[in-house]
Amino acid sequence: MSGDESAACRGEQVEQTEREAAKQRLLDQAEADRIPAEEITRAVPDRRWRRGQH
């Protein structure tokens, strides 16, 4: 393997590592922004639905 080929392989490995790190950051951010199910179920009742039940 020539020096150029090994440098290219290293470059691809670095890109792969950076992509994985970026993906992990996005997943961490999404997890931080996620609304817990308990908060969703505590939502204000929809009056239209209630009216239809009477």
N, C-alpha and C. Protein backbone atom coordinates (compact mmCIF):
# COMPACT_ATOMS: atom_id res chain seq x y z
N MET A 1 0.85 -1.19 0.00
CA MET A 1 0.00 0.00 0.00
C MET A 1 0.89 1.25 0.00
N SER A 2 0.61 2.18 -0.85
CA SER A 2 1.43 3.39 -0.92
C SER A 2 1.01 4.37 0.18
N GLY A 3 1.80 5.40 0.39
CA GLY A 3 1.50 6.40 1.42
C GLY A 3 0.19 7.11 1.16
N ASP A 4 -0.12 7.37 -0.12
CA ASP A 4 -1.36 8.06 -0.46
C ASP A 4 -2.59 7.23 -0.08
N GLU A 5 -2.51 5.92 -0.33
CA GLU A 5 -3.66 5.05 -0.02
C GLU A 5 -3.91 4.99 1.48
N SER A 6 -2.86 4.87 2.28
CA SER A 6 -3.05 4.81 3.73
C SER A 6 -3.62 6.13 4.25
N ALA A 7 -3.20 7.25 3.68
CA ALA A 7 -3.73 8.55 4.09
C ALA A 7 -5.21 8.64 3.75
N ALA A 8 -5.60 8.10 2.59
CA ALA A 8 -7.00 8.12 2.18
C ALA A 8 -7.83 7.27 3.13
N CYS A 9 -7.31 6.11 3.51
CA CYS A 9 -8.03 5.24 4.45
C CYS A 9 -8.20 5.94 5.79
N ARG A 10 -7.13 6.60 6.25
CA ARG A 10 -7.21 7.32 7.51
C ARG A 10 -8.24 8.44 7.42
N GLY A 11 -8.25 9.14 6.29
CA GLY A 11 -9.22 10.20 6.10
C GLY A 11 -10.65 9.68 6.15
N GLU A 12 -10.88 8.52 5.54
CA GLU A 12 -12.23 7.93 5.57
C GLU A 12 -12.60 7.52 6.99
N GLN A 13 -11.64 6.99 7.74
CA GLN A 13 -11.92 6.59 9.12
C GLN A 13 -12.27 7.82 9.97
N VAL A 14 -11.55 8.90 9.74
CA VAL A 14 -11.82 10.15 10.48
C VAL A 14 -13.22 10.65 10.14
N GLU A 15 -13.58 10.62 8.85
CA GLU A 15 -14.92 11.06 8.44
C GLU A 15 -15.99 10.20 9.08
N GLN A 16 -15.77 8.88 9.10
CA GLN A 16 -16.73 7.95 9.70
C GLN A 16 -16.90 8.28 11.19
N THR A 17 -15.78 8.50 11.86
CA THR A 17 -15.81 8.83 13.29
C THR A 17 -16.56 10.13 13.52
N GLU A 18 -16.30 11.14 12.67
CA GLU A 18 -16.99 12.43 12.82
C GLU A 18 -18.48 12.29 12.56
N ARG A 19 -18.85 11.48 11.57
CA ARG A 19 -20.28 11.26 11.29
C ARG A 19 -20.96 10.59 12.48
N GLU A 20 -20.30 9.59 13.06
CA GLU A 20 -20.86 8.91 14.23
C GLU A 20 -21.01 9.88 15.41
N ALA A 21 -20.00 10.73 15.60
CA ALA A 21 -20.05 11.70 16.70
C ALA A 21 -21.19 12.70 16.48
N ALA A 22 -21.35 13.14 15.24
CA ALA A 22 -22.42 14.09 14.92
C ALA A 22 -23.78 13.44 15.14
N LYS A 23 -23.91 12.18 14.73
CA LYS A 23 -25.17 11.46 14.90
C LYS A 23 -25.49 11.32 16.38
N GLN A 24 -24.47 11.00 17.18
CA GLN A 24 -24.67 10.85 18.62
C GLN A 24 -25.09 12.17 19.25
N ARG A 25 -24.48 13.29 18.78
CA ARG A 25 -24.88 14.60 19.31
C ARG A 25 -26.34 14.89 18.99
N LEU A 26 -26.76 14.56 17.76
CA LEU A 26 -28.16 14.77 17.38
C LEU A 26 -29.09 13.93 18.23
N LEU A 27 -28.72 12.67 18.46
CA LEU A 27 -29.56 11.80 19.28
C LEU A 27 -29.63 12.32 20.72
N ASP A 28 -28.50 12.77 21.24
CA ASP A 28 -28.49 13.32 22.60
C ASP A 28 -29.37 14.56 22.69
N GLN A 29 -29.30 15.42 21.67
CA GLN A 29 -30.11 16.64 21.65
C GLN A 29 -31.59 16.28 21.56
N ALA A 30 -31.92 15.32 20.71
CA ALA A 30 -33.31 14.90 20.56
C ALA A 30 -33.83 14.34 21.88
N GLU A 31 -33.01 13.56 22.56
CA GLU A 31 -33.41 12.99 23.85
C GLU A 31 -33.63 14.10 24.87
N ALA A 32 -32.78 15.12 24.85
CA ALA A 32 -32.92 16.23 25.79
C ALA A 32 -34.19 17.03 25.51
N ASP A 33 -34.58 17.12 24.22
CA ASP A 33 -35.76 17.89 23.84
C ASP A 33 -37.06 17.10 23.96
N ARG A 34 -36.94 15.79 24.14
CA ARG A 34 -38.12 14.92 24.15
C ARG A 34 -39.02 15.25 25.33
N ILE A 35 -40.32 15.22 25.09
CA ILE A 35 -41.30 15.49 26.16
C ILE A 35 -41.67 14.14 26.78
N PRO A 36 -41.52 13.98 28.08
CA PRO A 36 -41.89 12.71 28.73
C PRO A 36 -43.37 12.40 28.54
N ALA A 37 -43.71 11.12 28.46
CA ALA A 37 -45.09 10.70 28.22
C ALA A 37 -46.03 11.23 29.30
N GLU A 38 -45.54 11.32 30.54
CA GLU A 38 -46.39 11.83 31.63
C GLU A 38 -46.89 13.23 31.33
N GLU A 39 -46.03 14.06 30.74
CA GLU A 39 -46.44 15.44 30.43
C GLU A 39 -47.45 15.47 29.29
N ILE A 40 -47.30 14.57 28.33
CA ILE A 40 -48.25 14.53 27.20
C ILE A 40 -49.63 14.13 27.71
N THR A 41 -49.70 13.14 28.61
CA THR A 41 -50.99 12.66 29.10
C THR A 41 -51.64 13.66 30.04
N ARG A 42 -50.88 14.66 30.52
CA ARG A 42 -51.44 15.68 31.39
C ARG A 42 -51.99 16.86 30.59
N ALA A 43 -52.12 16.70 29.30
CA ALA A 43 -52.57 17.79 28.44
C ALA A 43 -54.00 18.21 28.82
N VAL A 44 -54.35 19.43 28.46
CA VAL A 44 -55.69 19.96 28.73
C VAL A 44 -56.70 19.14 27.92
N PRO A 45 -57.79 18.69 28.54
CA PRO A 45 -58.79 17.89 27.81
C PRO A 45 -59.40 18.69 26.65
N ASP A 46 -59.71 18.00 25.58
CA ASP A 46 -60.31 18.63 24.41
C ASP A 46 -61.81 18.75 24.63
N ARG A 47 -62.32 19.98 24.74
CA ARG A 47 -63.74 20.19 25.05
C ARG A 47 -64.67 19.64 23.96
N ARG A 48 -64.24 19.73 22.70
CA ARG A 48 -65.10 19.21 21.63
C ARG A 48 -65.36 17.72 21.82
N TRP A 49 -64.31 16.98 22.21
CA TRP A 49 -64.47 15.54 22.44
C TRP A 49 -65.43 15.31 23.60
N ARG A 50 -65.28 16.11 24.67
CA ARG A 50 -66.14 15.95 25.84
C ARG A 50 -67.60 16.24 25.49
N ARG A 51 -67.81 17.28 24.67
CA ARG A 51 -69.17 17.64 24.28
C ARG A 51 -69.83 16.47 23.55
N GLY A 52 -69.07 15.77 22.72
CA GLY A 52 -69.59 14.64 21.97
C GLY A 52 -69.96 13.46 22.85
N GLN A 53 -69.43 13.40 24.06
CA GLN A 53 -69.68 12.28 24.97
C GLN A 53 -71.00 12.41 25.75
N HIS A 54 -71.52 13.64 25.86
CA HIS A 54 -72.72 13.88 26.69
C HIS A 54 -73.98 13.41 26.02
